[in-house]
């Protein structure tokens, strides 16, 4: 799982290079964003990453991961947020605005 988070970091950095962001904006949903960087899973079960809130300093977030299934759940969560961010990034502004305003449904299969 440590290697899986390293691969995720590479994907995150690549997308950040495309968007011009060091702290990459990820989407939990159309209206909930998080600016993050540098995910690390340690052998002691600590998952750490850097997060910044708009207009604030960055801070290190820490979660205790109890087993591989727990780590997979966290990785799946963050990968989903990254997939959503990539989809929104490539989407035209009008469509994203309509999704965020609730005018159209956010169809993640598209």
C-alpha atoms as a PDB file:
ATOM      1  CA  UNK A   1       0.000   0.000   0.000  1.00  0.00           C
ATOM      2  CA  UNK A   2       2.943   2.343   0.591  1.00  0.00           C
ATOM      3  CA  UNK A   3       3.858   1.972  -3.099  1.00  0.00           C
ATOM      4  CA  UNK A   4       0.226   2.539  -4.111  1.00  0.00           C
ATOM      5  CA  UNK A   5       0.232   5.898  -2.309  1.00  0.00           C
ATOM      6  CA  UNK A   6       3.538   6.735  -4.013  1.00  0.00           C
ATOM      7  CA  UNK A   7       1.894   6.063  -7.396  1.00  0.00           C
ATOM      8  CA  UNK A   8      -1.075   8.193  -6.336  1.00  0.00           C
ATOM      9  CA  UNK A   9       1.331  11.026  -5.458  1.00  0.00           C
ATOM     10  CA  UNK A  10       2.859  10.761  -8.941  1.00  0.00           C
ATOM     11  CA  UNK A  11      -0.633  11.012 -10.497  1.00  0.00           C
ATOM     12  CA  UNK A  12      -1.471  13.936  -8.214  1.00  0.00           C
ATOM     13  CA  UNK A  13       1.747  15.755  -9.122  1.00  0.00           C
ATOM     14  CA  UNK A  14       1.186  15.135 -12.830  1.00  0.00           C
ATOM     15  CA  UNK A  15      -2.298  16.635 -12.610  1.00  0.00           C
ATOM     16  CA  UNK A  16      -0.903  19.533 -10.555  1.00  0.00           C
ATOM     17  CA  UNK A  17       1.643  20.174 -13.294  1.00  0.00           C
ATOM     18  CA  UNK A  18      -1.239  20.329 -15.794  1.00  0.00           C
ATOM     19  CA  UNK A  19      -3.324  22.702 -13.650  1.00  0.00           C
ATOM     20  CA  UNK A  20      -0.384  24.747 -12.393  1.00  0.00           C
ATOM     21  CA  UNK A  21      -1.075  23.887  -8.748  1.00  0.00           C
ATOM     22  CA  UNK A  22       1.322  22.713  -6.052  1.00  0.00           C
ATOM     23  CA  UNK A  23      -1.621  21.998  -3.755  1.00  0.00           C
ATOM     24  CA  UNK A  24      -3.949  20.247  -6.176  1.00  0.00           C
ATOM     25  CA  UNK A  25      -7.657  20.990  -5.939  1.00  0.00           C
ATOM     26  CA  UNK A  26      -9.577  17.730  -5.537  1.00  0.00           C
ATOM     27  CA  UNK A  27     -13.351  17.376  -5.441  1.00  0.00           C
ATOM     28  CA  UNK A  28     -15.266  15.291  -2.902  1.00  0.00           C
ATOM     29  CA  UNK A  29     -18.366  16.401  -4.797  1.00  0.00           C
ATOM     30  CA  UNK A  30     -19.165  19.262  -7.161  1.00  0.00           C
ATOM     31  CA  UNK A  31     -19.140  21.830  -4.351  1.00  0.00           C
ATOM     32  CA  UNK A  32     -16.619  20.430  -1.857  1.00  0.00           C
ATOM     33  CA  UNK A  33     -12.962  20.950  -2.684  1.00  0.00           C
ATOM     34  CA  UNK A  34      -9.758  20.186  -0.863  1.00  0.00           C
ATOM     35  CA  UNK A  35      -6.299  21.460  -1.809  1.00  0.00           C
ATOM     36  CA  UNK A  36      -3.792  18.715  -1.035  1.00  0.00           C
ATOM     37  CA  UNK A  37      -0.262  17.477  -1.697  1.00  0.00           C
ATOM     38  CA  UNK A  38       2.305  14.895  -0.613  1.00  0.00           C
ATOM     39  CA  UNK A  39       0.445  11.823   0.635  1.00  0.00           C
ATOM     40  CA  UNK A  40       2.595   9.403   2.628  1.00  0.00           C
ATOM     41  CA  UNK A  41       1.656   6.100   4.196  1.00  0.00           C
ATOM     42  CA  UNK A  42       4.142   4.944   6.819  1.00  0.00           C
ATOM     43  CA  UNK A  43       4.760   1.399   7.980  1.00  0.00           C
ATOM     44  CA  UNK A  44       3.442   2.357  11.440  1.00  0.00           C
ATOM     45  CA  UNK A  45       0.019   2.925   9.869  1.00  0.00           C
ATOM     46  CA  UNK A  46       0.080   6.725   9.785  1.00  0.00           C
ATOM     47  CA  UNK A  47      -1.316   8.300   6.622  1.00  0.00           C
ATOM     48  CA  UNK A  48      -0.132  11.886   6.292  1.00  0.00           C
ATOM     49  CA  UNK A  49      -0.695  14.591   3.719  1.00  0.00           C
ATOM     50  CA  UNK A  50      -0.465  18.361   3.456  1.00  0.00           C
ATOM     51  CA  UNK A  51      -3.712  20.312   3.085  1.00  0.00           C
ATOM     52  CA  UNK A  52      -4.383  24.004   2.704  1.00  0.00           C
ATOM     53  CA  UNK A  53      -7.620  25.889   3.180  1.00  0.00           C
ATOM     54  CA  UNK A  54      -8.344  28.957   1.071  1.00  0.00           C
ATOM     55  CA  UNK A  55      -6.351  31.882   2.384  1.00  0.00           C
ATOM     56  CA  UNK A  56      -4.762  29.802   5.149  1.00  0.00           C
ATOM     57  CA  UNK A  57      -1.410  28.204   5.768  1.00  0.00           C
ATOM     58  CA  UNK A  58      -0.865  24.572   4.954  1.00  0.00           C
ATOM     59  CA  UNK A  59      -1.137  21.974   7.689  1.00  0.00           C
ATOM     60  CA  UNK A  60      -0.259  18.333   7.962  1.00  0.00           C
ATOM     61  CA  UNK A  61      -3.225  16.004   8.268  1.00  0.00           C
ATOM     62  CA  UNK A  62      -2.770  12.608   9.933  1.00  0.00           C
ATOM     63  CA  UNK A  63      -5.033   9.567   9.948  1.00  0.00           C
ATOM     64  CA  UNK A  64      -4.358   6.212  11.569  1.00  0.00           C
ATOM     65  CA  UNK A  65      -4.690   3.356   9.094  1.00  0.00           C
ATOM     66  CA  UNK A  66      -5.340   0.031  10.775  1.00  0.00           C
ATOM     67  CA  UNK A  67      -4.886  -2.505   7.979  1.00  0.00           C
ATOM     68  CA  UNK A  68      -4.576  -2.858   4.206  1.00  0.00           C
ATOM     69  CA  UNK A  69      -8.347  -2.689   3.744  1.00  0.00           C
ATOM     70  CA  UNK A  70      -8.448   0.614   5.610  1.00  0.00           C
ATOM     71  CA  UNK A  71      -5.547   1.932   3.488  1.00  0.00           C
ATOM     72  CA  UNK A  72      -7.352   0.792   0.320  1.00  0.00           C
ATOM     73  CA  UNK A  73     -10.483   2.662   1.423  1.00  0.00           C
ATOM     74  CA  UNK A  74      -8.495   5.870   1.935  1.00  0.00           C
ATOM     75  CA  UNK A  75      -6.729   5.450  -1.391  1.00  0.00           C
ATOM     76  CA  UNK A  76     -10.022   4.782  -3.154  1.00  0.00           C
ATOM     77  CA  UNK A  77     -11.498   7.929  -1.590  1.00  0.00           C
ATOM     78  CA  UNK A  78      -8.604  10.116  -2.746  1.00  0.00           C
ATOM     79  CA  UNK A  79      -8.437   8.518  -6.194  1.00  0.00           C
ATOM     80  CA  UNK A  80     -12.159   9.205  -6.630  1.00  0.00           C
ATOM     81  CA  UNK A  81     -11.585  12.843  -5.705  1.00  0.00           C
ATOM     82  CA  UNK A  82      -8.754  13.056  -8.234  1.00  0.00           C
ATOM     83  CA  UNK A  83     -10.840  11.422 -10.985  1.00  0.00           C
ATOM     84  CA  UNK A  84     -13.611  13.913 -10.297  1.00  0.00           C
ATOM     85  CA  UNK A  85     -11.137  16.830 -10.391  1.00  0.00           C
ATOM     86  CA  UNK A  86      -9.754  15.650 -13.737  1.00  0.00           C
ATOM     87  CA  UNK A  87     -13.259  15.323 -15.156  1.00  0.00           C
ATOM     88  CA  UNK A  88     -14.243  18.789 -13.963  1.00  0.00           C
ATOM     89  CA  UNK A  89     -10.970  20.247 -15.279  1.00  0.00           C
ATOM     90  CA  UNK A  90     -11.721  18.952 -18.777  1.00  0.00           C
ATOM     91  CA  UNK A  91     -15.395  19.966 -18.630  1.00  0.00           C
ATOM     92  CA  UNK A  92     -16.691  23.177 -20.158  1.00  0.00           C
ATOM     93  CA  UNK A  93     -17.437  25.898 -17.613  1.00  0.00           C
ATOM     94  CA  UNK A  94     -21.148  26.105 -18.335  1.00  0.00           C
ATOM     95  CA  UNK A  95     -21.695  22.408 -17.645  1.00  0.00           C
ATOM     96  CA  UNK A  96     -19.705  22.533 -14.398  1.00  0.00           C
ATOM     97  CA  UNK A  97     -21.645  25.618 -13.289  1.00  0.00           C
ATOM     98  CA  UNK A  98     -24.925  23.801 -13.937  1.00  0.00           C
ATOM     99  CA  UNK A  99     -23.752  20.788 -11.921  1.00  0.00           C
ATOM    100  CA  UNK A 100     -22.639  23.021  -9.047  1.00  0.00           C
ATOM    101  CA  UNK A 101     -25.944  24.923  -9.148  1.00  0.00           C
ATOM    102  CA  UNK A 102     -27.925  21.662  -9.112  1.00  0.00           C
ATOM    103  CA  UNK A 103     -29.453  22.329 -12.525  1.00  0.00           C
ATOM    104  CA  UNK A 104     -28.140  19.070 -13.968  1.00  0.00           C
ATOM    105  CA  UNK A 105     -27.076  15.826 -12.349  1.00  0.00           C
ATOM    106  CA  UNK A 106     -23.403  15.006 -12.008  1.00  0.00           C
ATOM    107  CA  UNK A 107     -23.091  11.824 -14.046  1.00  0.00           C
ATOM    108  CA  UNK A 108     -19.687  10.411 -13.122  1.00  0.00           C
ATOM    109  CA  UNK A 109     -19.824   7.720 -15.811  1.00  0.00           C
ATOM    110  CA  UNK A 110     -19.463  10.310 -18.568  1.00  0.00           C
END
